[in-house]
Amino acid sequence: MAALVFDLDGTLVDSAPELHKAANAFLAEKGLPVQTLDAVKSFVGNGAVKLTERLLAAAGQPAEGAALDAQAKRFVEIYAALPPGDTVTYPGVPQELARLAGQGHRMGICTNKPAGPTRAILDALGLAKYFGAVVGGDSLDVQKPDRRMMIEVADRLGSKTALLVGDSEVDAATALAANVPFILFTEGYRKRPAAEIPHDAVFARWADFPDTLRRVYL
């Protein structure tokens, strides 16, 4: 049985409101103009450093190298210090994960979000018990779409085969690089129409995931 590997933000959870709050707190601390929720959503998907880079560029204060790393570290500190509550699961996610676990599926997380905040979200939402492996954006010296992220999750799960469930172009590229099937969740943070993102199957409601998964393995 193939391991099921999930992206986090925009796939299992809607974290955009909390990221938006952290982003604007970060910008306000520096006296920079705040961003809209939609703008912050468009910056999500490539990890904390890239998100910070996009925030600063949009505010007219581009940064790179060590200076950018320091700014990203501060953003993560602000984000990690926020009280939980603004990040929620998409409807049906807890029920579907429980069903999959009951069927004996091995499941893991592959995200560009740092591992610490990832685990904090999983714990707060009662989802941590379902995942035998969590690989975050700071777990290796690479991030998605590098294939080594997927390989690491599969190795930690003890599985030779896997598929990826995600919501974005980055996830599609990761699956392609790792040569694994990709199931696209359409209600996340993708930047292009779903039809333009390579995928093996697509779904918009977690209640439909069982049928979607079966289609991949027909």
C-alpha atoms as a PDB file:
ATOM      1  CA  MET A   1       0.000   0.000   0.000  1.00  0.00           C
ATOM      2  CA  ALA A   2       1.460   3.349  -1.051  1.00  0.00           C
ATOM      3  CA  ALA A   3       2.143   5.920   1.636  1.00  0.00           C
ATOM      4  CA  LEU A   4      -0.089   8.989   1.521  1.00  0.00           C
ATOM      5  CA  VAL A   5       1.898  12.204   1.776  1.00  0.00           C
ATOM      6  CA  PHE A   6       0.098  15.494   2.326  1.00  0.00           C
ATOM      7  CA  ASP A   7       1.026  19.117   1.982  1.00  0.00           C
ATOM      8  CA  LEU A   8      -0.216  21.191   4.933  1.00  0.00           C
ATOM      9  CA  ASP A   9      -1.137  24.810   4.143  1.00  0.00           C
ATOM     10  CA  GLY A  10      -3.930  25.049   1.601  1.00  0.00           C
ATOM     11  CA  THR A  11      -4.402  21.272   1.606  1.00  0.00           C
ATOM     12  CA  LEU A  12      -5.267  20.044   5.091  1.00  0.00           C
ATOM     13  CA  VAL A  13      -5.545  23.423   6.796  1.00  0.00           C
ATOM     14  CA  ASP A  14      -6.475  26.968   5.897  1.00  0.00           C
ATOM     15  CA  SER A  15      -3.664  28.893   7.563  1.00  0.00           C
ATOM     16  CA  ALA A  16      -3.922  32.029   5.435  1.00  0.00           C
ATOM     17  CA  PRO A  17      -5.681  34.163   8.103  1.00  0.00           C
ATOM     18  CA  GLU A  18      -2.969  33.381  10.655  1.00  0.00           C
ATOM     19  CA  LEU A  19      -0.168  33.923   8.134  1.00  0.00           C
ATOM     20  CA  HIS A  20      -1.834  37.201   7.181  1.00  0.00           C
ATOM     21  CA  LYS A  21      -1.886  38.302  10.813  1.00  0.00           C
ATOM     22  CA  ALA A  22       1.784  37.367  11.267  1.00  0.00           C
ATOM     23  CA  ALA A  23       2.792  39.040   8.009  1.00  0.00           C
ATOM     24  CA  ASN A  24       1.153  42.321   8.936  1.00  0.00           C
ATOM     25  CA  ALA A  25       2.600  42.244  12.452  1.00  0.00           C
ATOM     26  CA  PHE A  26       6.028  41.697  10.887  1.00  0.00           C
ATOM     27  CA  LEU A  27       5.544  44.569   8.442  1.00  0.00           C
ATOM     28  CA  ALA A  28       4.083  46.913  11.059  1.00  0.00           C
ATOM     29  CA  GLU A  29       7.061  46.261  13.334  1.00  0.00           C
ATOM     30  CA  LYS A  30       9.245  47.668  10.552  1.00  0.00           C
ATOM     31  CA  GLY A  31       6.948  50.568   9.754  1.00  0.00           C
ATOM     32  CA  LEU A  32       6.068  49.083   6.373  1.00  0.00           C
ATOM     33  CA  PRO A  33       2.623  49.025   4.713  1.00  0.00           C
ATOM     34  CA  VAL A  34       0.495  45.981   5.496  1.00  0.00           C
ATOM     35  CA  GLN A  35      -0.805  43.522   2.902  1.00  0.00           C
ATOM     36  CA  THR A  36      -4.261  42.175   2.083  1.00  0.00           C
ATOM     37  CA  LEU A  37      -5.235  38.586   2.797  1.00  0.00           C
ATOM     38  CA  ASP A  38      -5.289  37.779  -0.918  1.00  0.00           C
ATOM     39  CA  ALA A  39      -1.803  39.210  -1.359  1.00  0.00           C
ATOM     40  CA  VAL A  40      -0.409  37.092   1.466  1.00  0.00           C
ATOM     41  CA  LYS A  41      -2.125  34.000   0.031  1.00  0.00           C
ATOM     42  CA  SER A  42      -0.323  34.642  -3.246  1.00  0.00           C
ATOM     43  CA  PHE A  43       3.025  34.670  -1.394  1.00  0.00           C
ATOM     44  CA  VAL A  44       2.492  31.247   0.252  1.00  0.00           C
ATOM     45  CA  GLY A  45       3.985  27.975  -0.974  1.00  0.00           C
ATOM     46  CA  ASN A  46       7.763  28.229  -1.034  1.00  0.00           C
ATOM     47  CA  GLY A  47       8.602  28.425   2.661  1.00  0.00           C
ATOM     48  CA  ALA A  48       9.195  31.156   5.211  1.00  0.00           C
ATOM     49  CA  VAL A  49      12.230  32.715   3.526  1.00  0.00           C
ATOM     50  CA  LYS A  50      10.461  33.139   0.196  1.00  0.00           C
ATOM     51  CA  LEU A  51       7.322  34.446   1.916  1.00  0.00           C
ATOM     52  CA  THR A  52       9.411  37.011   3.780  1.00  0.00           C
ATOM     53  CA  GLU A  53      11.216  37.963   0.578  1.00  0.00           C
ATOM     54  CA  ARG A  54       7.898  38.551  -1.178  1.00  0.00           C
ATOM     55  CA  LEU A  55       6.513  40.577   1.719  1.00  0.00           C
ATOM     56  CA  LEU A  56       9.536  42.863   1.765  1.00  0.00           C
ATOM     57  CA  ALA A  57       9.620  43.226  -2.015  1.00  0.00           C
ATOM     58  CA  ALA A  58       5.936  44.170  -2.079  1.00  0.00           C
ATOM     59  CA  ALA A  59       6.667  46.809   0.557  1.00  0.00           C
ATOM     60  CA  GLY A  60       9.516  48.238  -1.501  1.00  0.00           C
ATOM     61  CA  GLN A  61      12.234  46.944   0.839  1.00  0.00           C
ATOM     62  CA  PRO A  62      13.831  43.972  -0.967  1.00  0.00           C
ATOM     63  CA  ALA A  63      16.334  41.847   0.930  1.00  0.00           C
ATOM     64  CA  GLU A  64      18.587  38.932   0.073  1.00  0.00           C
ATOM     65  CA  GLY A  65      21.298  36.725   1.504  1.00  0.00           C
ATOM     66  CA  ALA A  66      22.055  36.908   5.215  1.00  0.00           C
ATOM     67  CA  ALA A  67      19.843  39.973   5.645  1.00  0.00           C
ATOM     68  CA  LEU A  68      16.867  38.087   4.235  1.00  0.00           C
ATOM     69  CA  ASP A  69      17.602  35.071   6.429  1.00  0.00           C
ATOM     70  CA  ALA A  70      17.568  37.300   9.508  1.00  0.00           C
ATOM     71  CA  GLN A  71      14.278  38.873   8.458  1.00  0.00           C
ATOM     72  CA  ALA A  72      12.744  35.445   7.818  1.00  0.00           C
ATOM     73  CA  LYS A  73      13.860  34.293  11.257  1.00  0.00           C
ATOM     74  CA  ARG A  74      12.034  37.248  12.786  1.00  0.00           C
ATOM     75  CA  PHE A  75       8.905  36.508  10.759  1.00  0.00           C
ATOM     76  CA  VAL A  76       8.890  32.897  11.993  1.00  0.00           C
ATOM     77  CA  GLU A  77       9.292  34.125  15.589  1.00  0.00           C
ATOM     78  CA  ILE A  78       6.266  36.392  15.211  1.00  0.00           C
ATOM     79  CA  TYR A  79       4.248  33.638  13.551  1.00  0.00           C
ATOM     80  CA  ALA A  80       5.149  31.046  16.181  1.00  0.00           C
ATOM     81  CA  ALA A  81       4.185  33.425  19.003  1.00  0.00           C
ATOM     82  CA  LEU A  82       0.628  33.965  17.753  1.00  0.00           C
ATOM     83  CA  PRO A  83      -2.073  32.324  19.867  1.00  0.00           C
ATOM     84  CA  PRO A  84      -3.682  29.357  18.087  1.00  0.00           C
ATOM     85  CA  GLY A  85      -7.153  29.614  16.656  1.00  0.00           C
ATOM     86  CA  ASP A  86      -6.988  31.286  13.252  1.00  0.00           C
ATOM     87  CA  THR A  87      -5.756  28.154  11.463  1.00  0.00           C
ATOM     88  CA  VAL A  88      -8.510  25.601  10.843  1.00  0.00           C
ATOM     89  CA  THR A  89      -8.883  22.344   8.949  1.00  0.00           C
ATOM     90  CA  TYR A  90     -10.817  22.284   5.721  1.00  0.00           C
ATOM     91  CA  PRO A  91     -14.251  20.686   6.202  1.00  0.00           C
ATOM     92  CA  GLY A  92     -14.038  16.906   6.389  1.00  0.00           C
ATOM     93  CA  VAL A  93     -10.277  16.646   6.924  1.00  0.00           C
ATOM     94  CA  PRO A  94     -10.318  15.165  10.468  1.00  0.00           C
ATOM     95  CA  GLN A  95     -12.933  12.597   9.496  1.00  0.00           C
ATOM     96  CA  GLU A  96     -11.071  11.570   6.355  1.00  0.00           C
ATOM     97  CA  LEU A  97      -7.724  11.233   8.117  1.00  0.00           C
ATOM     98  CA  ALA A  98      -9.375   9.066  10.774  1.00  0.00           C
ATOM     99  CA  ARG A  99     -10.905   6.883   8.061  1.00  0.00           C
ATOM    100  CA  LEU A 100      -7.586   6.494   6.244  1.00  0.00           C
ATOM    101  CA  ALA A 101      -5.764   5.662   9.472  1.00  0.00           C
ATOM    102  CA  GLY A 102      -8.412   3.070  10.270  1.00  0.00           C
ATOM    103  CA  GLN A 103      -7.729   1.431   6.920  1.00  0.00           C
ATOM    104  CA  GLY A 104      -4.049   1.133   7.781  1.00  0.00           C
ATOM    105  CA  HIS A 105      -2.645   3.817   5.498  1.00  0.00           C
ATOM    106  CA  ARG A 106       0.749   5.198   6.428  1.00  0.00           C
ATOM    107  CA  MET A 107       0.609   8.983   6.234  1.00  0.00           C
ATOM    108  CA  GLY A 108       3.130  11.791   6.323  1.00  0.00           C
ATOM    109  CA  ILE A 109       3.451  15.550   5.923  1.00  0.00           C
ATOM    110  CA  CYS A 110       5.692  17.217   3.337  1.00  0.00           C
ATOM    111  CA  THR A 111       5.582  20.999   3.700  1.00  0.00           C
ATOM    112  CA  ASN A 112       7.805  24.008   3.202  1.00  0.00           C
ATOM    113  CA  LYS A 113       6.544  25.421   6.505  1.00  0.00           C
ATOM    114  CA  PRO A 114       9.185  25.035   9.257  1.00  0.00           C
ATOM    115  CA  ALA A 115       8.780  21.796  11.195  1.00  0.00           C
ATOM    116  CA  GLY A 116       8.151  23.494  14.558  1.00  0.00           C
ATOM    117  CA  PRO A 117       5.079  25.500  13.518  1.00  0.00           C
ATOM    118  CA  THR A 118       3.898  22.510  11.485  1.00  0.00           C
ATOM    119  CA  ARG A 119       3.921  20.234  14.521  1.00  0.00           C
ATOM    120  CA  ALA A 120       2.292  22.942  16.639  1.00  0.00           C
ATOM    121  CA  ILE A 121      -0.603  23.193  14.174  1.00  0.00           C
ATOM    122  CA  LEU A 122      -1.015  19.422  13.962  1.00  0.00           C
ATOM    123  CA  ASP A 123      -1.028  19.178  17.760  1.00  0.00           C
ATOM    124  CA  ALA A 124      -3.488  22.051  18.203  1.00  0.00           C
ATOM    125  CA  LEU A 125      -5.917  20.561  15.686  1.00  0.00           C
ATOM    126  CA  GLY A 126      -5.628  17.002  16.992  1.00  0.00           C
ATOM    127  CA  LEU A 127      -4.097  15.704  13.762  1.00  0.00           C
ATOM    128  CA  ALA A 128      -0.577  14.765  14.882  1.00  0.00           C
ATOM    129  CA  LYS A 129      -1.588  11.198  15.763  1.00  0.00           C
ATOM    130  CA  TYR A 130      -2.283  10.409  12.117  1.00  0.00           C
ATOM    131  CA  PHE A 131       1.189  11.148  10.768  1.00  0.00           C
ATOM    132  CA  GLY A 132       4.198   8.886  11.094  1.00  0.00           C
ATOM    133  CA  ALA A 133       6.529  11.404   9.471  1.00  0.00           C
ATOM    134  CA  VAL A 134       6.668  15.194   9.301  1.00  0.00           C
ATOM    135  CA  VAL A 135       9.223  16.820   7.005  1.00  0.00           C
ATOM    136  CA  GLY A 136       9.220  20.616   7.099  1.00  0.00           C
ATOM    137  CA  GLY A 137      10.990  23.338   5.220  1.00  0.00           C
ATOM    138  CA  ASP A 138      13.881  23.333   7.684  1.00  0.00           C
ATOM    139  CA  SER A 139      14.151  19.546   8.078  1.00  0.00           C
ATOM    140  CA  LEU A 140      16.631  19.158   5.199  1.00  0.00           C
ATOM    141  CA  ASP A 141      18.920  21.509   3.320  1.00  0.00           C
ATOM    142  CA  VAL A 142      16.386  21.599   0.460  1.00  0.00           C
ATOM    143  CA  GLN A 143      12.697  22.416   0.113  1.00  0.00           C
ATOM    144  CA  LYS A 144       9.910  21.453  -2.262  1.00  0.00           C
ATOM    145  CA  PRO A 145       9.924  21.059  -5.218  1.00  0.00           C
ATOM    146  CA  ASP A 146      13.163  19.153  -4.594  1.00  0.00           C
ATOM    147  CA  ARG A 147      12.397  15.432  -4.849  1.00  0.00           C
ATOM    148  CA  ARG A 148      14.435  14.702  -1.728  1.00  0.00           C
ATOM    149  CA  MET A 149      11.609  16.081   0.409  1.00  0.00           C
ATOM    150  CA  MET A 150       9.230  13.364  -0.815  1.00  0.00           C
ATOM    151  CA  ILE A 151      11.910  10.696  -0.613  1.00  0.00           C
ATOM    152  CA  GLU A 152      12.627  11.632   3.006  1.00  0.00           C
ATOM    153  CA  VAL A 153       8.969  11.331   4.016  1.00  0.00           C
ATOM    154  CA  ALA A 154       8.596   7.960   2.290  1.00  0.00           C
ATOM    155  CA  ASP A 155      11.806   6.696   3.903  1.00  0.00           C
ATOM    156  CA  ARG A 156      10.654   7.754   7.372  1.00  0.00           C
ATOM    157  CA  LEU A 157       7.381   5.936   6.765  1.00  0.00           C
ATOM    158  CA  GLY A 158       9.227   2.834   5.590  1.00  0.00           C
ATOM    159  CA  SER A 159       7.445   2.875   2.237  1.00  0.00           C
ATOM    160  CA  LYS A 160       8.879   2.256  -1.222  1.00  0.00           C
ATOM    161  CA  THR A 161       5.883   3.877  -2.940  1.00  0.00           C
ATOM    162  CA  ALA A 162       3.951   7.051  -2.204  1.00  0.00           C
ATOM    163  CA  LEU A 163       1.642   9.647  -3.648  1.00  0.00           C
ATOM    164  CA  LEU A 164       1.366  13.348  -2.884  1.00  0.00           C
ATOM    165  CA  VAL A 165      -1.788  15.317  -2.107  1.00  0.00           C
ATOM    166  CA  GLY A 166      -1.383  19.080  -2.412  1.00  0.00           C
ATOM    167  CA  ASP A 167      -2.919  22.310  -3.593  1.00  0.00           C
ATOM    168  CA  SER A 168      -0.278  24.146  -5.584  1.00  0.00           C
ATOM    169  CA  GLU A 169       2.101  24.338  -8.488  1.00  0.00           C
ATOM    170  CA  VAL A 170       4.958  23.646  -6.069  1.00  0.00           C
ATOM    171  CA  ASP A 171       3.326  20.389  -4.989  1.00  0.00           C
ATOM    172  CA  ALA A 172       2.745  19.341  -8.593  1.00  0.00           C
ATOM    173  CA  ALA A 173       6.402  20.000  -9.406  1.00  0.00           C
ATOM    174  CA  THR A 174       7.480  18.028  -6.333  1.00  0.00           C
ATOM    175  CA  ALA A 175       5.435  14.998  -7.359  1.00  0.00           C
ATOM    176  CA  LEU A 176       6.785  15.210 -10.896  1.00  0.00           C
ATOM    177  CA  ALA A 177      10.376  15.418  -9.645  1.00  0.00           C
ATOM    178  CA  ALA A 178       9.834  12.420  -7.354  1.00  0.00           C
ATOM    179  CA  ASN A 179       7.936  10.480 -10.048  1.00  0.00           C
ATOM    180  CA  VAL A 180       4.907   9.866  -7.830  1.00  0.00           C
ATOM    181  CA  PRO A 181       1.176  10.384  -8.500  1.00  0.00           C
ATOM    182  CA  PHE A 182      -0.226  13.789  -7.596  1.00  0.00           C
ATOM    183  CA  ILE A 183      -3.760  14.509  -6.369  1.00  0.00           C
ATOM    184  CA  LEU A 184      -4.714  18.192  -6.555  1.00  0.00           C
ATOM    185  CA  PHE A 185      -6.983  19.822  -3.959  1.00  0.00           C
ATOM    186  CA  THR A 186      -8.496  22.803  -5.746  1.00  0.00           C
ATOM    187  CA  GLU A 187      -9.580  24.948  -2.784  1.00  0.00           C
ATOM    188  CA  GLY A 188      -6.140  25.961  -1.538  1.00  0.00           C
ATOM    189  CA  TYR A 189      -3.593  28.549  -2.629  1.00  0.00           C
ATOM    190  CA  ARG A 190      -2.811  27.675  -6.241  1.00  0.00           C
ATOM    191  CA  LYS A 191      -1.981  30.579  -8.526  1.00  0.00           C
ATOM    192  CA  ARG A 192      -3.159  29.102 -11.839  1.00  0.00           C
ATOM    193  CA  PRO A 193      -6.340  27.333 -12.974  1.00  0.00           C
ATOM    194  CA  ALA A 194      -6.442  23.704 -11.886  1.00  0.00           C
ATOM    195  CA  ALA A 195      -6.503  22.563 -15.506  1.00  0.00           C
ATOM    196  CA  GLU A 196      -3.067  24.121 -16.023  1.00  0.00           C
ATOM    197  CA  ILE A 197      -1.477  22.245 -13.101  1.00  0.00           C
ATOM    198  CA  PRO A 198      -0.338  18.680 -13.912  1.00  0.00           C
ATOM    199  CA  HIS A 199      -2.201  16.130 -11.795  1.00  0.00           C
ATOM    200  CA  ASP A 200      -3.405  12.545 -11.801  1.00  0.00           C
ATOM    201  CA  ALA A 201      -6.698  13.344 -10.076  1.00  0.00           C
ATOM    202  CA  VAL A 202      -8.451  16.378  -8.645  1.00  0.00           C
ATOM    203  CA  PHE A 203     -11.007  17.055  -5.911  1.00  0.00           C
ATOM    204  CA  ALA A 204     -12.652  20.057  -4.274  1.00  0.00           C
ATOM    205  CA  ARG A 205     -14.248  18.515  -1.156  1.00  0.00           C
ATOM    206  CA  TRP A 206     -12.607  16.190   1.333  1.00  0.00           C
ATOM    207  CA  ALA A 207     -15.782  14.119   1.362  1.00  0.00           C
ATOM    208  CA  ASP A 208     -14.874  13.218  -2.236  1.00  0.00           C
ATOM    209  CA  PHE A 209     -11.315  12.133  -1.459  1.00  0.00           C
ATOM    210  CA  PRO A 210     -12.066   8.384  -1.097  1.00  0.00           C
ATOM    211  CA  ASP A 211     -13.432   8.204  -4.647  1.00  0.00           C
ATOM    212  CA  THR A 212     -10.567  10.356  -5.912  1.00  0.00           C
ATOM    213  CA  LEU A 213      -7.989   8.063  -4.329  1.00  0.00           C
ATOM    214  CA  ARG A 214      -9.658   5.005  -5.837  1.00  0.00           C
ATOM    215  CA  ARG A 215      -9.484   6.575  -9.304  1.00  0.00           C
ATOM    216  CA  VAL A 216      -5.729   6.960  -8.996  1.00  0.00           C
ATOM    217  CA  TYR A 217      -5.321   3.263  -8.220  1.00  0.00           C
ATOM    218  CA  LEU A 218      -7.820   1.801 -10.700  1.00  0.00           C
END
